[in-house]
Protein backbone atom coordinates (compact mmCIF):
# COMPACT_ATOMS: atom_id res chain seq x y z
CA MET A 1 41.65 -0.99 41.79
CA THR A 2 40.45 -4.57 41.26
CA MET A 3 37.03 -5.42 42.55
CA ASN A 4 34.47 -8.21 42.13
CA VAL A 5 31.51 -6.74 40.26
CA THR A 6 29.10 -9.36 41.61
CA THR A 7 30.13 -8.45 45.16
CA LEU A 8 29.52 -4.79 44.44
CA ILE A 9 26.04 -5.50 43.18
CA ASP A 10 25.19 -7.91 45.98
CA ASP A 11 26.48 -5.63 48.74
CA GLY A 12 25.40 -2.36 47.24
CA LEU A 13 22.63 -2.06 44.66
CA LEU A 14 20.71 -5.24 45.50
CA ALA A 15 20.88 -4.36 49.19
CA GLY A 16 19.63 -0.89 48.36
CA ASN A 17 22.65 0.67 50.08
CA VAL A 18 24.03 3.17 47.60
CA GLY A 19 26.41 4.56 50.16
CA THR A 20 28.08 1.17 50.56
CA LEU A 21 28.56 0.91 46.80
CA LEU A 22 30.01 4.41 46.49
CA GLY A 23 32.32 3.75 49.43
CA ARG A 24 33.75 0.68 47.80
CA LEU A 25 34.42 2.77 44.70
CA GLY A 26 36.20 5.32 46.84
CA CYS A 27 33.53 7.98 46.21
CA THR A 28 30.99 9.93 48.14
CA PRO A 29 27.73 11.33 46.81
CA SER A 30 29.30 14.79 46.63
CA THR A 31 32.29 13.55 44.60
CA LEU A 32 30.39 11.10 42.39
CA SER A 33 31.01 13.14 39.24
CA ASP A 34 34.76 12.87 39.77
CA CYS A 35 34.48 9.04 39.80
CA LEU A 36 32.74 8.85 36.43
CA PRO A 37 34.58 8.88 33.11
CA SER A 38 34.78 12.27 31.42
CA SER A 39 32.85 12.94 28.22
CA SER A 40 36.11 13.05 26.27
CA ALA A 41 37.07 9.66 27.67
CA LEU A 42 33.69 8.23 26.67
CA ILE A 43 34.05 9.65 23.16
CA ALA A 44 37.55 8.22 22.87
CA ALA A 45 36.35 4.82 24.06
CA ALA A 46 33.43 4.86 21.63
CA GLY A 47 35.74 5.87 18.79
CA THR A 48 38.16 3.10 19.63
CA PHE A 49 35.35 0.57 19.72
CA ALA A 50 33.92 1.79 16.39
CA LEU A 51 37.34 1.66 14.74
CA GLY A 52 38.03 -1.79 16.13
CA TYR A 53 34.65 -3.10 15.00
CA THR A 54 35.10 -1.57 11.55
CA LEU A 55 38.47 -3.24 11.06
CA TRP A 56 37.15 -6.55 12.38
CA GLU A 57 34.06 -6.39 10.15
CA GLN A 58 36.08 -5.60 7.01
CA ALA A 59 38.50 -8.42 7.79
CA LYS A 60 35.60 -10.81 8.42
CA PHE A 61 34.00 -9.95 5.10
CA ARG A 62 37.29 -10.38 3.25
CA TRP A 63 37.60 -13.83 4.79
CA PHE A 64 33.97 -14.78 4.15
CA ARG A 65 34.15 -13.93 0.47
CA ARG A 66 37.28 -16.00 -0.24
CA THR A 67 36.84 -19.02 -2.46
CA LYS A 68 38.68 -22.28 -1.97
CA LYS A 69 41.66 -23.41 -4.09
CA THR A 70 42.46 -20.07 -5.73
CA GLY A 71 41.50 -17.78 -2.85
CA GLU A 72 39.93 -15.38 -5.30
CA PRO A 73 37.21 -13.23 -3.70
CA LEU A 74 33.59 -13.32 -4.78
CA PRO A 75 32.57 -10.41 -7.01
CA GLY A 76 31.00 -7.49 -5.20
CA PRO A 77 31.89 -4.14 -3.66
CA ALA A 78 35.54 -3.63 -2.74
CA ARG A 79 34.42 -2.49 0.72
CA VAL A 80 31.15 -1.69 2.46
CA THR A 81 30.00 0.96 4.89
CA PRO A 82 30.68 -0.26 8.44
CA PHE A 83 27.62 -1.34 10.44
CA LEU A 84 25.20 -0.34 7.65
CA GLY A 85 26.55 -2.13 4.59
CA GLY A 86 24.46 -1.31 1.54
CA ILE A 87 21.20 -0.59 3.36
CA VAL A 88 21.22 3.16 2.69
CA GLU A 89 21.69 2.68 -1.06
CA MET A 90 19.06 -0.07 -1.06
CA VAL A 91 16.46 2.11 0.68
CA LYS A 92 17.16 5.13 -1.53
CA ASP A 93 16.82 3.24 -4.81
CA PRO A 94 16.11 -0.50 -4.38
CA TYR A 95 15.87 -1.32 -8.08
CA ALA A 96 19.19 0.37 -8.93
CA PHE A 97 20.89 -1.26 -5.94
CA TRP A 98 19.83 -4.81 -6.82
CA GLU A 99 20.43 -4.31 -10.52
CA ARG A 100 23.97 -3.15 -9.74
CA GLN A 101 24.36 -6.19 -7.50
CA ARG A 102 23.15 -8.46 -10.31
CA LEU A 103 25.72 -7.06 -12.71
CA TYR A 104 28.62 -7.89 -10.39
CA SER A 105 28.24 -11.47 -11.62
CA PHE A 106 25.58 -12.55 -14.08
CA PRO A 107 25.03 -15.43 -14.11
CA GLY A 108 26.80 -16.39 -10.92
CA MET A 109 26.85 -14.95 -7.41
CA SER A 110 28.16 -11.85 -5.68
CA TRP A 111 28.46 -10.55 -2.14
CA ASN A 112 27.43 -7.51 -0.11
CA SER A 113 26.52 -6.55 3.43
CA ILE A 114 23.03 -5.58 4.60
CA CYS A 115 23.11 -3.98 8.06
CA GLY A 116 26.29 -5.90 8.84
CA ILE A 117 24.89 -9.25 7.64
CA PHE A 118 27.06 -11.01 5.08
CA THR A 119 24.91 -11.49 1.98
CA ILE A 120 25.25 -13.65 -1.15
CA PHE A 121 23.17 -12.62 -4.19
CA VAL A 122 22.61 -15.59 -6.52
CA THR A 123 22.02 -14.74 -10.18
CA ASP A 124 22.52 -18.17 -11.75
CA ALA A 125 19.24 -20.02 -12.37
CA ALA A 126 20.64 -23.50 -11.68
CA LEU A 127 22.25 -22.33 -8.45
CA SER A 128 18.99 -20.63 -7.43
CA ARG A 129 17.12 -23.93 -7.90
CA TYR A 130 19.76 -25.63 -5.78
CA VAL A 131 19.23 -23.07 -3.01
CA PHE A 132 15.44 -23.41 -3.20
CA SER A 133 15.67 -27.19 -2.94
CA HIS A 134 17.03 -26.91 0.63
CA ASN A 135 14.72 -26.13 3.52
CA SER A 136 15.51 -27.43 6.98
CA GLU A 137 16.77 -26.44 10.41
CA ASP A 138 20.28 -27.54 9.46
CA SER A 139 20.53 -26.02 5.96
CA LEU A 140 18.44 -23.01 4.83
CA LEU A 141 15.23 -21.38 6.04
CA LEU A 142 13.21 -18.64 4.44
CA CYS A 143 14.11 -15.21 5.78
CA LEU A 144 11.20 -12.85 5.22
CA HIS A 145 10.65 -9.19 6.04
CA PRO A 146 11.81 -8.07 9.55
CA ASN A 147 8.16 -7.51 10.45
CA ALA A 148 6.99 -10.92 9.18
CA GLU A 149 7.03 -12.88 12.44
CA TRP A 150 5.27 -10.09 14.33
CA ILE A 151 2.53 -9.67 11.73
CA LEU A 152 2.11 -13.18 10.31
CA GLY A 153 2.98 -15.09 13.45
CA LYS A 154 5.75 -17.62 14.05
CA THR A 155 3.51 -20.52 12.94
CA ASN A 156 3.14 -19.13 9.42
CA ILE A 157 3.69 -21.74 6.72
CA ALA A 158 6.62 -19.72 5.35
CA PHE A 159 8.57 -20.53 8.52
CA MET A 160 7.77 -24.25 8.47
CA SER A 161 10.00 -27.10 7.32
CA GLY A 162 10.24 -30.85 7.62
CA PRO A 163 7.50 -33.52 7.82
CA GLN A 164 4.74 -31.25 9.13
CA HIS A 165 5.33 -28.82 6.28
CA LYS A 166 5.14 -31.67 3.76
CA ALA A 167 1.96 -33.07 5.29
CA LEU A 168 0.28 -29.67 5.28
CA ARG A 169 1.17 -29.03 1.63
CA LYS A 170 -0.09 -32.48 0.65
CA SER A 171 -3.50 -31.61 2.07
CA PHE A 172 -3.61 -28.57 -0.24
CA LEU A 173 -3.92 -30.75 -3.35
CA ALA A 174 -7.70 -30.76 -2.92
CA LEU A 175 -7.77 -26.95 -3.17
CA PHE A 176 -6.59 -26.73 -6.78
CA THR A 177 -8.32 -29.55 -8.62
CA ARG A 178 -10.01 -28.84 -11.95
CA LYS A 179 -13.38 -28.69 -10.18
CA ALA A 180 -12.13 -26.24 -7.56
CA LEU A 181 -10.37 -23.99 -10.07
CA GLY A 182 -13.54 -23.94 -12.21
CA LEU A 183 -15.54 -22.64 -9.24
CA TYR A 184 -12.92 -20.00 -8.47
CA VAL A 185 -12.94 -18.77 -12.09
CA LEU A 186 -16.66 -17.98 -11.92
CA LYS A 187 -16.11 -15.96 -8.76
CA GLN A 188 -13.11 -14.17 -10.27
CA ASP A 189 -15.17 -13.27 -13.35
CA ALA A 190 -18.04 -11.80 -11.30
CA ILE A 191 -15.79 -9.75 -9.01
CA ILE A 192 -13.65 -8.35 -11.83
CA ARG A 193 -16.77 -7.23 -13.72
CA GLN A 194 -18.14 -5.66 -10.54
CA ASN A 195 -14.91 -3.71 -10.03
CA PHE A 196 -14.90 -2.50 -13.63
CA GLU A 197 -18.38 -1.06 -13.00
CA GLU A 198 -17.04 0.78 -9.96
CA TRP A 199 -14.03 2.10 -11.87
CA MET A 200 -16.26 3.48 -14.60
CA SER A 201 -18.21 5.48 -12.03
CA MET A 202 -15.05 7.42 -11.14
CA SER A 203 -13.72 10.44 -12.96
CA GLY A 204 -10.31 10.00 -14.53
CA PRO A 205 -7.44 9.81 -15.12
CA LEU A 206 -7.02 7.11 -12.47
CA GLU A 207 -3.98 5.64 -10.76
CA VAL A 208 -5.08 2.02 -11.00
CA ARG A 209 -2.65 0.44 -8.54
CA PRO A 210 -4.82 1.01 -5.43
CA LEU A 211 -7.93 0.03 -7.41
CA ILE A 212 -6.33 -3.23 -8.51
CA ARG A 213 -5.09 -3.88 -4.97
CA ASP A 214 -8.67 -3.63 -3.69
CA LEU A 215 -9.96 -5.79 -6.56
CA ASN A 216 -7.39 -8.46 -5.78
CA ALA A 217 -7.98 -8.39 -2.02
CA PHE A 218 -11.76 -8.71 -2.44
CA THR A 219 -11.35 -11.52 -4.96
CA SER A 220 -9.16 -13.50 -2.57
CA GLN A 221 -11.58 -13.02 0.29
CA MET A 222 -14.60 -14.10 -1.74
CA VAL A 223 -12.86 -17.06 -3.39
CA PHE A 224 -11.26 -18.33 -0.20
CA VAL A 225 -13.95 -17.71 2.44
CA GLY A 226 -16.73 -15.75 0.75
CA PRO A 227 -19.83 -17.58 2.09
CA TYR A 228 -18.61 -17.08 5.67
CA LEU A 229 -18.04 -13.31 5.39
CA ASP A 230 -21.80 -12.85 5.36
CA ASP A 231 -21.96 -10.16 8.04
CA PRO A 232 -21.44 -6.81 6.18
CA GLN A 233 -20.02 -5.05 9.25
CA GLU A 234 -17.64 -7.89 10.05
CA ARG A 235 -16.62 -8.09 6.38
CA ASP A 236 -15.70 -4.39 6.41
CA GLN A 237 -13.71 -4.85 9.61
CA PHE A 238 -12.05 -7.92 8.09
CA SER A 239 -10.96 -5.92 5.03
CA ALA A 240 -9.61 -3.10 7.22
CA ALA A 241 -7.70 -5.57 9.40
CA TYR A 242 -6.28 -7.28 6.32
CA ARG A 243 -5.18 -3.88 4.96
CA ALA A 244 -3.46 -3.12 8.27
CA MET A 245 -1.48 -6.35 7.94
CA THR A 246 -0.34 -5.40 4.45
CA ASP A 247 0.54 -1.84 5.46
CA GLY A 248 2.53 -3.16 8.41
CA PHE A 249 5.13 -4.51 6.01
CA LEU A 250 5.82 -1.00 4.73
CA THR A 251 6.68 0.44 8.14
CA PHE A 252 9.75 0.59 10.36
CA PRO A 253 10.27 -2.65 12.34
CA LEU A 254 9.16 -1.35 15.74
CA LEU A 255 6.50 -3.16 17.76
CA LEU A 256 4.97 -0.54 20.04
CA PRO A 257 1.31 0.44 20.49
CA GLY A 258 0.24 2.70 17.66
CA THR A 259 3.00 1.71 15.23
CA GLY A 260 2.26 0.18 11.84
CA VAL A 261 3.65 -3.17 12.99
CA TRP A 262 1.42 -3.15 16.06
CA LYS A 263 -1.64 -2.32 13.94
CA GLY A 264 -0.70 -5.11 11.55
CA ARG A 265 -0.45 -7.62 14.38
CA GLN A 266 -3.78 -6.50 15.79
CA GLY A 267 -5.23 -6.88 12.31
CA ARG A 268 -3.94 -10.45 12.15
CA LYS A 269 -5.60 -11.30 15.46
CA PHE A 270 -8.97 -10.09 14.14
CA VAL A 271 -8.55 -11.89 10.81
CA VAL A 272 -7.70 -15.18 12.57
CA LYS A 273 -10.66 -14.74 14.92
CA VAL A 274 -13.07 -14.37 11.98
CA LEU A 275 -11.49 -17.24 10.05
CA THR A 276 -11.62 -19.54 13.09
CA LYS A 277 -15.40 -19.11 13.20
CA ALA A 278 -15.52 -19.66 9.44
CA ALA A 279 -13.55 -22.91 9.73
CA ALA A 280 -15.99 -24.26 12.31
CA ARG A 281 -18.99 -23.36 10.14
CA SER A 282 -17.35 -24.90 7.06
CA LYS A 283 -16.73 -28.18 8.87
CA VAL A 284 -20.40 -28.39 9.79
CA ARG A 285 -21.49 -27.78 6.18
CA MET A 286 -19.03 -30.25 4.69
CA ALA A 287 -19.89 -32.90 7.31
CA ALA A 288 -23.53 -32.48 6.25
CA GLY A 289 -22.62 -33.35 2.66
CA LYS A 290 -22.99 -29.85 1.20
CA GLU A 291 -21.14 -28.89 -1.98
CA PRO A 292 -18.01 -26.70 -1.51
CA GLU A 293 -18.54 -23.02 -2.26
CA CYS A 294 -15.04 -21.69 -1.59
CA LEU A 295 -11.43 -22.74 -1.01
CA LEU A 296 -12.04 -23.16 2.72
CA ASP A 297 -14.81 -25.67 2.00
CA PHE A 298 -12.58 -27.75 -0.25
CA TRP A 299 -9.93 -27.84 2.46
CA THR A 300 -12.21 -28.65 5.40
CA LYS A 301 -13.74 -31.44 3.32
CA GLN A 302 -10.22 -32.85 2.81
CA ILE A 303 -9.40 -32.38 6.51
CA LEU A 304 -12.52 -34.29 7.59
CA SER A 305 -11.43 -37.13 5.29
CA ASP A 306 -7.90 -37.04 6.75
CA MET A 307 -9.33 -37.13 10.26
CA LYS A 308 -11.46 -40.18 9.43
CA ASP A 309 -8.48 -41.98 7.89
CA ALA A 310 -6.44 -41.26 11.02
CA ALA A 311 -9.22 -42.50 13.30
CA ASP A 312 -9.63 -45.70 11.29
CA ALA A 313 -5.91 -46.31 11.61
CA GLY A 314 -5.95 -45.60 15.34
CA ALA A 315 -3.69 -42.58 14.84
CA GLU A 316 -3.82 -38.99 16.00
CA PRO A 317 -5.68 -36.54 13.74
CA PRO A 318 -3.48 -34.37 11.51
CA PHE A 319 -1.98 -31.38 13.36
CA TYR A 320 -3.78 -28.95 11.05
CA HIS A 321 -7.31 -30.17 11.89
CA GLU A 322 -8.03 -27.60 14.61
CA ASP A 323 -10.16 -24.60 13.66
CA ARG A 324 -7.51 -22.07 14.67
CA LYS A 325 -4.78 -23.81 12.66
CA ILE A 326 -7.10 -23.89 9.66
CA ALA A 327 -7.74 -20.17 10.18
CA GLU A 328 -4.03 -19.33 10.37
CA THR A 329 -3.32 -21.27 7.19
CA VAL A 330 -6.16 -19.66 5.23
CA MET A 331 -4.84 -16.32 6.43
CA ASP A 332 -1.48 -17.34 4.94
CA PHE A 333 -3.22 -18.03 1.63
CA LEU A 334 -4.92 -14.65 1.72
CA PHE A 335 -1.67 -12.88 2.39
CA ALA A 336 0.33 -14.86 -0.17
CA SER A 337 -2.24 -14.05 -2.86
CA GLN A 338 -2.08 -10.30 -2.29
CA ASP A 339 1.11 -8.44 -3.19
CA ALA A 340 2.46 -10.64 -5.98
CA SER A 341 -0.85 -10.93 -7.84
CA THR A 342 -1.60 -7.23 -7.42
CA ALA A 343 1.76 -6.36 -8.97
CA SER A 344 1.18 -8.73 -11.90
CA LEU A 345 -2.32 -7.34 -12.51
CA VAL A 346 -0.88 -3.81 -12.63
CA TRP A 347 1.79 -4.98 -15.08
CA THR A 348 -0.94 -6.61 -17.18
CA ILE A 349 -2.81 -3.39 -17.91
CA THR A 350 0.44 -1.42 -18.20
CA LEU A 351 2.12 -3.75 -20.69
CA MET A 352 -1.04 -4.10 -22.77
CA ALA A 353 -1.21 -0.31 -23.05
CA GLU A 354 2.45 -0.27 -24.10
CA HIS A 355 1.97 -3.09 -26.65
CA PRO A 356 -1.28 -2.45 -28.53
CA GLU A 357 -0.38 -5.03 -31.19
CA ILE A 358 -0.36 -7.74 -28.50
CA LEU A 359 -3.60 -6.44 -27.02
CA ALA A 360 -5.25 -6.63 -30.47
CA ARG A 361 -4.34 -10.32 -30.73
CA VAL A 362 -5.73 -11.00 -27.27
CA ARG A 363 -8.99 -9.29 -28.24
CA GLU A 364 -9.22 -11.32 -31.42
CA GLU A 365 -8.85 -14.57 -29.49
CA GLN A 366 -11.39 -13.49 -26.87
CA GLU A 367 -14.02 -12.49 -29.43
CA ARG A 368 -13.54 -15.82 -31.19
CA LEU A 369 -13.79 -17.94 -28.05
CA ARG A 370 -16.44 -15.85 -26.31
CA PRO A 371 -19.03 -14.70 -28.87
CA ASP A 372 -21.28 -13.64 -25.98
CA LEU A 373 -18.96 -11.33 -24.08
CA ASP A 374 -21.51 -10.86 -21.30
CA ALA A 375 -21.49 -14.59 -20.48
CA PRO A 376 -19.24 -15.61 -17.56
CA VAL A 377 -15.82 -16.99 -18.35
CA THR A 378 -15.75 -20.69 -17.47
CA GLY A 379 -12.86 -22.98 -16.67
CA ASP A 380 -13.33 -24.84 -19.97
CA VAL A 381 -13.19 -21.65 -22.04
CA LEU A 382 -10.25 -20.41 -20.00
CA ASN A 383 -8.26 -23.50 -20.94
CA GLU A 384 -8.73 -22.71 -24.64
CA MET A 385 -7.21 -19.23 -24.37
CA SER A 386 -3.80 -20.28 -25.65
CA PHE A 387 -2.49 -16.88 -26.74
CA THR A 388 -3.95 -15.02 -23.76
CA ARG A 389 -2.20 -17.50 -21.47
CA GLN A 390 1.05 -17.00 -23.42
CA VAL A 391 0.75 -13.29 -22.70
CA VAL A 392 0.18 -13.93 -19.00
CA LYS A 393 3.21 -16.20 -18.77
CA GLU A 394 5.33 -13.61 -20.53
CA ILE A 395 4.13 -10.87 -18.17
CA LEU A 396 5.27 -13.05 -15.26
CA ARG A 397 8.63 -13.81 -16.88
CA TYR A 398 9.27 -10.26 -18.06
CA ARG A 399 8.35 -8.68 -14.71
CA PRO A 400 8.49 -11.32 -11.95
CA PRO A 401 6.37 -9.80 -9.15
CA ALA A 402 8.60 -11.15 -6.35
CA PRO A 403 12.15 -10.27 -7.44
CA MET A 404 13.98 -12.41 -4.84
CA VAL A 405 13.45 -14.88 -2.00
CA PRO A 406 15.98 -14.50 0.87
CA GLN A 407 17.18 -17.56 2.78
CA ARG A 408 19.27 -17.71 5.97
CA ALA A 409 22.04 -20.30 6.32
CA GLN A 410 21.46 -22.27 9.53
CA ALA A 411 24.90 -23.88 9.17
CA PRO A 412 27.82 -23.52 6.73
CA PHE A 413 26.18 -24.07 3.32
CA LYS A 414 28.10 -25.35 0.31
CA LEU A 415 27.02 -23.36 -2.74
CA THR A 416 29.66 -24.60 -5.20
CA ASP A 417 32.72 -26.81 -5.20
CA THR A 418 34.84 -23.77 -4.43
CA TYR A 419 32.62 -21.76 -2.09
CA THR A 420 30.79 -22.45 1.18
CA ALA A 421 28.70 -19.70 2.73
CA PRO A 422 29.31 -19.24 6.49
CA LYS A 423 26.54 -19.86 9.01
CA GLY A 424 24.25 -16.84 9.27
CA THR A 425 24.79 -15.77 5.66
CA LEU A 426 21.77 -14.26 3.92
CA ILE A 427 21.53 -16.12 0.58
CA ILE A 428 19.25 -14.39 -1.93
CA PRO A 429 18.28 -16.17 -5.18
CA SER A 430 17.23 -13.65 -7.84
CA LEU A 431 14.08 -14.60 -9.72
CA VAL A 432 14.58 -11.66 -12.06
CA SER A 433 18.01 -12.98 -13.05
CA ALA A 434 16.72 -16.51 -13.60
CA CYS A 435 14.00 -15.25 -15.95
CA LEU A 436 16.63 -13.48 -18.06
CA GLN A 437 18.62 -16.65 -18.76
CA GLY A 438 18.27 -18.92 -21.77
CA TYR A 439 15.35 -17.14 -23.40
CA SER A 440 15.96 -15.53 -26.78
CA ASN A 441 16.28 -11.75 -26.51
CA PRO A 442 15.16 -11.90 -22.85
CA GLU A 443 14.93 -8.13 -22.38
CA LYS A 444 12.11 -7.99 -24.94
CA PHE A 445 8.43 -8.48 -24.10
CA ASP A 446 7.56 -11.30 -26.48
CA PRO A 447 4.62 -13.66 -25.74
CA ASP A 448 5.37 -15.65 -28.90
CA ARG A 449 8.38 -17.19 -27.16
CA PHE A 450 5.81 -19.48 -25.47
CA SER A 451 4.09 -20.44 -28.71
CA PRO A 452 3.86 -24.07 -29.89
CA GLU A 453 6.41 -23.25 -32.59
CA ARG A 454 9.14 -21.79 -30.35
CA GLN A 455 8.34 -23.63 -27.10
CA GLU A 456 10.68 -21.61 -24.92
CA ASP A 457 8.41 -22.42 -21.99
CA ILE A 458 9.52 -26.05 -22.39
CA LYS A 459 13.14 -25.44 -23.39
CA PHE A 460 13.82 -23.09 -20.50
CA ALA A 461 11.26 -24.29 -17.97
CA PRO A 462 13.93 -24.65 -15.22
CA ASN A 463 14.60 -20.90 -15.48
CA PHE A 464 10.95 -19.90 -15.02
CA LEU A 465 11.28 -19.49 -11.25
CA VAL A 466 8.44 -16.99 -10.82
CA PHE A 467 6.65 -19.39 -8.46
CA GLY A 468 9.80 -20.60 -6.74
CA HIS A 469 11.10 -24.15 -6.61
CA GLY A 470 11.45 -26.98 -4.12
CA PRO A 471 9.68 -27.36 -0.75
CA HIS A 472 8.15 -23.87 -0.87
CA TYR A 473 7.06 -23.96 -4.51
CA CYS A 474 3.82 -21.96 -4.80
CA VAL A 475 0.90 -24.39 -4.55
CA GLY A 476 -1.46 -21.70 -5.86
CA LYS A 477 0.34 -21.30 -9.20
CA GLU A 478 -2.62 -22.35 -11.35
CA TYR A 479 -5.00 -20.20 -9.34
CA ALA A 480 -2.74 -17.16 -9.83
CA ILE A 481 -2.33 -17.75 -13.58
CA ASN A 482 -6.10 -18.23 -13.97
CA HIS A 483 -6.75 -15.00 -12.08
CA LEU A 484 -4.45 -13.04 -14.40
CA THR A 485 -5.93 -14.72 -17.47
CA VAL A 486 -9.53 -13.92 -16.49
CA PHE A 487 -8.53 -10.33 -15.74
CA LEU A 488 -6.81 -9.92 -19.11
CA ALA A 489 -9.70 -11.59 -20.94
CA LEU A 490 -12.27 -9.24 -19.41
CA LEU A 491 -10.03 -6.17 -19.53
CA SER A 492 -9.40 -6.61 -23.26
CA THR A 493 -13.08 -6.96 -24.18
CA SER A 494 -14.66 -4.61 -21.63
CA LEU A 495 -12.45 -1.53 -21.55
CA ASP A 496 -10.45 0.78 -23.73
CA PHE A 497 -7.53 2.27 -21.84
CA ASN A 498 -4.61 4.53 -22.57
CA ARG A 499 -1.73 5.22 -20.22
CA ILE A 500 -0.92 8.74 -19.09
CA ARG A 501 2.86 8.72 -19.09
CA SER A 502 5.11 10.82 -16.86
CA THR A 503 8.81 11.21 -16.12
CA ILE A 504 8.72 8.18 -13.79
CA SER A 505 6.63 5.85 -15.97
CA ASP A 506 9.65 3.82 -17.08
CA GLU A 507 11.00 3.43 -13.55
CA ILE A 508 10.43 0.30 -11.47
CA LYS A 509 9.36 0.44 -7.83
CA TYR A 510 9.96 -2.08 -5.06
CA LEU A 511 6.85 -2.12 -2.81
CA PRO A 512 8.29 -4.78 -2.01
CA THR A 513 7.01 -6.54 -5.15
CA LEU A 514 7.84 -4.90 -8.48
CA TYR A 515 5.57 -2.19 -9.90
CA PRO A 516 5.87 0.31 -12.74
CA GLY A 517 6.86 3.82 -11.66
CA ASP A 518 3.25 4.86 -12.13
CA SER A 519 0.12 3.37 -13.66
CA VAL A 520 -2.22 6.25 -14.50
CA PHE A 521 -4.90 5.53 -17.09
CA ASN A 522 -7.86 6.99 -18.88
CA LEU A 523 -10.50 4.25 -18.89
CA ARG A 524 -13.74 3.96 -20.83
CA TRP A 525 -16.13 1.22 -21.81
CA ARG A 526 -15.00 -0.49 -24.99
CA GLY A 527 -16.83 0.70 -28.08
CA LYS A 528 -17.97 3.93 -26.39
CA LYS A 529 -16.49 7.39 -26.84
């Protein structure tokens, strides 16, 4: 029986006349069940569809992974689970999954499927830089966590490209001058010491990861917008909302009231509301000629200057001048400074406990440069900490906090002379792999590789991709390195600490940045028993 579906709908359902529709199907209400497919027929149809899709998907992947000229396939699994790809293995043990993927071709690139999405994993440092150097609507765009757009918002800087993105980043130069970094260091010093006091009031042993997460979050808030979080109740609500945003990335991607994603999005709304008020207050202070007291002040001062230049030229003010846009961007800074720095701070105390000979050398340098250990660390003193900074750089190289940065191909993307990734491909440069290339004995934790004598930081600088490369290179690199250096300086001279090891201590967790399997410590004031 051939019948026009549109006519059926128009004459039957849309008219509200079910009887008319059933009549056209040759059914009556009493015989409706006889007109419907049987359960066995539905199962057979579903099975046929699943089989057909599976064969089509496997054929598609075989075609996608073919290289030009020779036709040889890219390294990777011989076949993948239909529909799911490698997602089950990745969720069960992320580190093992990505390490296995790395070893398919190192250095080079390999393929896999993640939830049916064709994926290229790039393990060659030069090729990773090439990928990072592209960022546009017709090449590659960052592809973050599935919950990212819901929680961070579609206007987040991570999703930007083109002239507006460049203009916004140019305005950030005022945020990381020597003067600005010097101010931030004093705040970092005070907050780290304050947190050490709080840690010492707790009974041990302590799992320090949540403690360091709170230390890092509070530091970012105080450095970036501290003077404007002057209402204690609002500051507590701000911290809770910020935590909800972070937690939302560790939940299933489902946006319904009560879910982690929903709470994260609600948290973002509150954070932006508070920061919008802060931006307005900061503009008033900077317009009155006050000295900057936080990152927001340095930026609003720059924005007021940009607005004046635009007005003098008879042009429109920069798109980022509005209070809400300022708020959203500062929120981006807060979020970007959280997970990666927290992971690196945890690795700092963990690796120092595992390498007491390195810790002893850090302490020697600190006691030499800072004879009064109670005096605040200043930017000038920080710049003299050559060995301590070597250790920080090696911590970042040895355990890059962000292991990879996924990109989505907006069009067919030529990776090499013999291979072009199809549109829609997920291309994932591996920062871990890049940091294992070139360096002597790269699997060893060795801060001396960055010494003036060996200069591996200069020789292999292109492989140090911890902070990315290209249009989305981390503008807060110096801030992050300073934060780690101040933490290590104060940790080494303030506390004695020994790690309580367990069966999972040598494991590595993806959360989604890299952490040690555990980080449980006995802590005590240095020089006290």
